[in-house]
C-alpha atoms as a PDB file:
ATOM      1  CA  MET A   1     -19.944 -16.340 -83.506  1.00  0.00           C
ATOM      2  CA  ASP A   2     -19.156 -14.675 -86.544  1.00  0.00           C
ATOM      3  CA  VAL A   3     -16.236 -15.672 -88.039  1.00  0.00           C
ATOM      4  CA  LYS A   4     -15.707 -12.379 -89.215  1.00  0.00           C
ATOM      5  CA  ILE A   5     -14.339 -11.390 -85.449  1.00  0.00           C
ATOM      6  CA  LEU A   6     -12.428 -14.476 -84.705  1.00  0.00           C
ATOM      7  CA  PRO A   7      -9.228 -12.402 -85.233  1.00  0.00           C
ATOM      8  CA  TYR A   8     -10.536  -9.612 -82.937  1.00  0.00           C
ATOM      9  CA  ARG A   9     -11.020 -12.102 -80.454  1.00  0.00           C
ATOM     10  CA  LYS A  10      -7.451 -13.595 -80.840  1.00  0.00           C
ATOM     11  CA  TYR A  11      -5.867 -10.381 -80.738  1.00  0.00           C
ATOM     12  CA  VAL A  12      -8.280  -8.880 -77.659  1.00  0.00           C
ATOM     13  CA  GLU A  13      -7.313 -12.485 -75.740  1.00  0.00           C
ATOM     14  CA  ASP A  14      -3.901 -11.671 -76.579  1.00  0.00           C
ATOM     15  CA  ILE A  15      -3.139  -7.978 -75.359  1.00  0.00           C
ATOM     16  CA  SER A  16      -5.580  -8.891 -72.118  1.00  0.00           C
ATOM     17  CA  LYS A  17      -2.822 -11.018 -71.203  1.00  0.00           C
ATOM     18  CA  GLN A  18      -1.294  -7.350 -70.139  1.00  0.00           C
ATOM     19  CA  PHE A  19      -3.610  -6.245 -68.076  1.00  0.00           C
ATOM     20  CA  LYS A  20      -3.239  -6.933 -64.298  1.00  0.00           C
ATOM     21  CA  SER A  21      -6.993  -7.424 -64.721  1.00  0.00           C
ATOM     22  CA  VAL A  22      -9.506  -7.599 -67.487  1.00  0.00           C
ATOM     23  CA  GLU A  23     -13.923  -7.634 -67.193  1.00  0.00           C
ATOM     24  CA  PHE A  24     -15.922  -8.286 -70.368  1.00  0.00           C
ATOM     25  CA  ARG A  25     -19.325  -6.803 -70.007  1.00  0.00           C
ATOM     26  CA  TYR A  26     -21.771  -7.895 -72.553  1.00  0.00           C
ATOM     27  CA  ILE A  27     -23.398  -4.450 -73.935  1.00  0.00           C
ATOM     28  CA  PRO A  28     -26.631  -4.802 -76.097  1.00  0.00           C
ATOM     29  CA  ARG A  29     -27.055  -3.831 -79.656  1.00  0.00           C
ATOM     30  CA  PHE A  30     -28.607  -0.341 -78.858  1.00  0.00           C
ATOM     31  CA  HIS A  31     -25.514   1.093 -77.425  1.00  0.00           C
ATOM     32  CA  ASN A  32     -23.644   0.434 -80.553  1.00  0.00           C
ATOM     33  CA  GLU A  33     -23.068   3.757 -80.888  1.00  0.00           C
ATOM     34  CA  LEU A  34     -21.241   4.460 -77.845  1.00  0.00           C
ATOM     35  CA  VAL A  35     -19.529   0.777 -78.543  1.00  0.00           C
ATOM     36  CA  ASP A  36     -18.074   2.698 -82.085  1.00  0.00           C
ATOM     37  CA  ALA A  37     -17.135   6.109 -80.203  1.00  0.00           C
ATOM     38  CA  LEU A  38     -15.315   4.574 -77.584  1.00  0.00           C
ATOM     39  CA  ASP A  39     -13.645   2.557 -80.295  1.00  0.00           C
ATOM     40  CA  THR A  40     -12.427   5.400 -82.336  1.00  0.00           C
ATOM     41  CA  LEU A  41     -11.579   6.977 -79.636  1.00  0.00           C
ATOM     42  CA  ALA A  42      -9.112   4.285 -78.066  1.00  0.00           C
ATOM     43  CA  SER A  43      -8.100   3.880 -81.090  1.00  0.00           C
ATOM     44  CA  MET A  44      -6.453   7.307 -81.401  1.00  0.00           C
ATOM     45  CA  LEU A  45      -4.755   7.378 -77.980  1.00  0.00           C
ATOM     46  CA  THR A  46      -1.245   5.374 -77.446  1.00  0.00           C
ATOM     47  CA  TYR A  47       0.284   4.145 -73.904  1.00  0.00           C
ATOM     48  CA  PRO A  48       3.307   3.418 -72.867  1.00  0.00           C
ATOM     49  CA  SER A  49       3.519   0.035 -71.155  1.00  0.00           C
ATOM     50  CA  ASN A  50       4.410   1.024 -67.592  1.00  0.00           C
ATOM     51  CA  VAL A  51       1.507   3.802 -67.418  1.00  0.00           C
ATOM     52  CA  HIS A  52      -1.470   2.294 -65.225  1.00  0.00           C
ATOM     53  CA  ILE A  53      -4.724   3.480 -66.773  1.00  0.00           C
ATOM     54  CA  ASP A  54      -8.203   3.787 -64.423  1.00  0.00           C
ATOM     55  CA  PRO A  55     -11.094   1.899 -65.042  1.00  0.00           C
ATOM     56  CA  LEU A  56     -13.806   3.804 -67.404  1.00  0.00           C
ATOM     57  CA  GLU A  57     -16.795   3.271 -65.900  1.00  0.00           C
ATOM     58  CA  ILE A  58     -19.993   4.501 -68.586  1.00  0.00           C
ATOM     59  CA  GLU A  59     -23.513   5.154 -66.783  1.00  0.00           C
ATOM     60  CA  ILE A  60     -26.214   4.553 -69.197  1.00  0.00           C
ATOM     61  CA  ARG A  61     -29.115   7.581 -68.998  1.00  0.00           C
ATOM     62  CA  GLU A  62     -32.880   7.927 -69.303  1.00  0.00           C
ATOM     63  CA  ARG A  63     -31.866  11.442 -70.158  1.00  0.00           C
ATOM     64  CA  HIS A  64     -29.435  13.274 -73.047  1.00  0.00           C
ATOM     65  CA  GLY A  65     -26.834  14.714 -71.596  1.00  0.00           C
ATOM     66  CA  TYR A  66     -25.002  18.191 -74.055  1.00  0.00           C
ATOM     67  CA  CYS A  67     -21.637  18.829 -73.860  1.00  0.00           C
ATOM     68  CA  ASN A  68     -20.791  22.073 -75.728  1.00  0.00           C
ATOM     69  CA  THR A  69     -16.723  22.792 -76.016  1.00  0.00           C
ATOM     70  CA  VAL A  70     -14.877  25.724 -77.230  1.00  0.00           C
ATOM     71  CA  GLU A  71     -11.062  25.631 -78.174  1.00  0.00           C
ATOM     72  CA  VAL A  72      -9.953  29.506 -76.996  1.00  0.00           C
ATOM     73  CA  GLU A  73      -6.452  30.582 -79.338  1.00  0.00           C
ATOM     74  CA  PRO A  74      -4.083  32.704 -77.849  1.00  0.00           C
ATOM     75  CA  ASP A  75      -4.399  36.459 -78.601  1.00  0.00           C
ATOM     76  CA  VAL A  76      -7.663  35.692 -80.049  1.00  0.00           C
ATOM     77  CA  GLN A  77     -10.347  39.298 -79.644  1.00  0.00           C
ATOM     78  CA  PRO A  78     -13.306  38.226 -77.762  1.00  0.00           C
ATOM     79  CA  TRP A  79     -16.397  36.935 -79.320  1.00  0.00           C
ATOM     80  CA  TYR A  80     -17.908  40.332 -79.388  1.00  0.00           C
ATOM     81  CA  HIS A  81     -14.813  42.065 -80.848  1.00  0.00           C
ATOM     82  CA  ASP A  82     -16.460  42.459 -84.656  1.00  0.00           C
ATOM     83  CA  ILE A  83     -20.163  43.400 -83.406  1.00  0.00           C
ATOM     84  CA  LYS A  84     -17.947  46.256 -81.402  1.00  0.00           C
ATOM     85  CA  ARG A  85     -16.083  46.976 -83.776  1.00  0.00           C
ATOM     86  CA  PHE A  86     -18.916  47.542 -86.375  1.00  0.00           C
ATOM     87  CA  LEU A  87     -20.765  49.964 -83.555  1.00  0.00           C
ATOM     88  CA  LYS A  88     -17.958  52.334 -82.850  1.00  0.00           C
ATOM     89  CA  THR A  89     -16.566  52.589 -86.990  1.00  0.00           C
ATOM     90  CA  ASN A  90     -19.461  51.274 -88.769  1.00  0.00           C
ATOM     91  CA  GLU A  91     -16.545  48.859 -90.912  1.00  0.00           C
ATOM     92  CA  TYR A  92     -17.022  45.140 -90.927  1.00  0.00           C
ATOM     93  CA  PRO A  93     -13.830  42.759 -90.588  1.00  0.00           C
ATOM     94  CA  GLU A  94     -10.980  42.765 -94.259  1.00  0.00           C
ATOM     95  CA  LYS A  95     -12.448  39.253 -95.016  1.00  0.00           C
ATOM     96  CA  ALA A  96     -15.907  39.245 -94.190  1.00  0.00           C
ATOM     97  CA  SER A  97     -17.744  37.059 -95.911  1.00  0.00           C
ATOM     98  CA  GLY A  98     -21.725  38.962 -96.712  1.00  0.00           C
ATOM     99  CA  ASP A  99     -23.040  35.939 -94.224  1.00  0.00           C
ATOM    100  CA  GLN A 100     -20.215  37.361 -92.339  1.00  0.00           C
ATOM    101  CA  LYS A 101     -21.422  41.354 -92.773  1.00  0.00           C
ATOM    102  CA  ARG A 102     -25.157  40.076 -92.573  1.00  0.00           C
ATOM    103  CA  THR A 103     -24.736  38.478 -89.142  1.00  0.00           C
ATOM    104  CA  ILE A 104     -21.903  40.860 -87.411  1.00  0.00           C
ATOM    105  CA  THR A 105     -25.455  44.143 -88.294  1.00  0.00           C
ATOM    106  CA  ARG A 106     -28.387  42.216 -86.631  1.00  0.00           C
ATOM    107  CA  LEU A 107     -26.435  41.131 -83.890  1.00  0.00           C
ATOM    108  CA  ALA A 108     -25.067  45.151 -83.126  1.00  0.00           C
ATOM    109  CA  ASN A 109     -28.659  45.758 -83.916  1.00  0.00           C
ATOM    110  CA  GLY A 110     -29.164  44.572 -80.307  1.00  0.00           C
ATOM    111  CA  PHE A 111     -26.571  46.611 -79.263  1.00  0.00           C
ATOM    112  CA  PHE A 112     -25.261  50.268 -78.322  1.00  0.00           C
ATOM    113  CA  LEU A 113     -21.957  51.866 -77.245  1.00  0.00           C
ATOM    114  CA  SER A 114     -21.972  53.734 -74.379  1.00  0.00           C
ATOM    115  CA  GLY A 115     -18.814  55.158 -73.860  1.00  0.00           C
ATOM    116  CA  GLU A 116     -16.644  52.093 -74.305  1.00  0.00           C
ATOM    117  CA  LYS A 117     -18.801  49.814 -72.730  1.00  0.00           C
ATOM    118  CA  TYR A 118     -20.948  47.787 -75.187  1.00  0.00           C
ATOM    119  CA  LYS A 119     -24.575  47.466 -73.960  1.00  0.00           C
ATOM    120  CA  ARG A 120     -27.290  45.145 -74.653  1.00  0.00           C
ATOM    121  CA  ASN A 121     -30.896  47.199 -76.477  1.00  0.00           C
ATOM    122  CA  GLY A 122     -32.891  47.630 -73.629  1.00  0.00           C
ATOM    123  CA  GLN A 123     -30.890  47.389 -70.435  1.00  0.00           C
ATOM    124  CA  GLU A 124     -29.533  50.105 -68.554  1.00  0.00           C
END
């Protein structure tokens, strides 16, 4: 055993006495990224000592899974707001950069206004 991890082992042994049950499993070295991510997550969370935490089960799959999250801020315009505004008034947002203006123009080319509705070119 590497002597550098002895203090960590002692800490784990001490803290595990606070739990009703603790189970240790060997994780192969090629899963270190997962271990590092869980370690980082665990270090960010604090729990009062009287809170029950259900076991966390992790299954390693052969294929990658992807998850995207989008945080929505209150009172924020929908994603198409700037495109629709550009189609209506030919104006960009006040603080838009050159790249943002080019992107809005490129995206707006794929849509047209039909009254208040905005539709993709080539659709009814």
